[in-house]
Amino acid sequence: MMTSLSSIIQTLEGRGQYHPLMPTSIWNRELDTQIEALDFGAHKRETAVIALLAGLHLRNDNLDRSHRYAQSIEHDATGAYWHGVMHRMEGDFSNSKYWFHTAGNHPAMAIAARLIAEALQTRLVPEEAPEQIRGMLTSFRDHGNWTPSAFTDIVRWQQNMSLPQAVRQILEHMQYLEMKALFQYTLDLCSPYLSE
C-alpha cells in the first residue's frame, strides 16, 4: 500500500505549484481511481486516514469526493481544515470560513504562515498585486499573519477580477503552500497506519 500511496503523492507533486484557486474539473481521473483503490485495511475508519483521503482528493481537484471524506470527520480539526479549503475552492466562502473557525488554531496554519511569508520574501512579489490586496500580501510577508480566512477574502475578491498572470500565480502558489503544509501534517498523523 505504501508504494501505491508514494506513487500517488509523487504524481500530485509532479503537477507543479500552480493549481487553479477554484478548479472546475478533476485534474487526473486515473489518479482519482488510484486514490479510491488505496487499501488501509483495518485502519480505513481512522480519522487520520479519512483526512488523508480528503486531502489526496482535494489535491487532485475532486471537490465532491474530498467533501464526502471531510464531512465524515468534521468533528476533527484536521477534517474541518480540509473541509474549509474545499469550500473555498468551490466558492462557498462563508462556509469555508465557518470550517476554518471550527479547525481552530490548527498547527498546519502556523506552518503555512511561515512557508507563505518565506515565499513572499524570496520568490513572490506582492508589489505586483493590485492595490486592493497588496497590503494584505505585504502583511503576510512582513508579519507572518496569514490565516486561511484572510486568504479566503482574497480568493473571493479575485474571482471577478482579471488579474495579471504573475499575480494569479502568487495566489495559486500561496494555496499550494497551504495545502502542502496541511497535507504533510495529515500524512504525519497517518504514519502509524502506513508502516504495517
Foldseek 3Di string as FASTA:
>chain_A
DLVLVVVLVVVLVVVDQFDALADDDFQDVVSLVSLVPDDLDPCCPPLLNLLLSLLSRVSRVNLVSSCVSLVVVLQELLSLQSNLSSCLNNPVLVSSVVSLVSSPPPPLQLVLLVVLLVCCVPPAPLVLWDPVCSVVSVCSNPVSPDGVSVLSVVSNVCPPPDTPPSVSRSSSNSSSSSSVSSNVVSVVVCVVSSPD
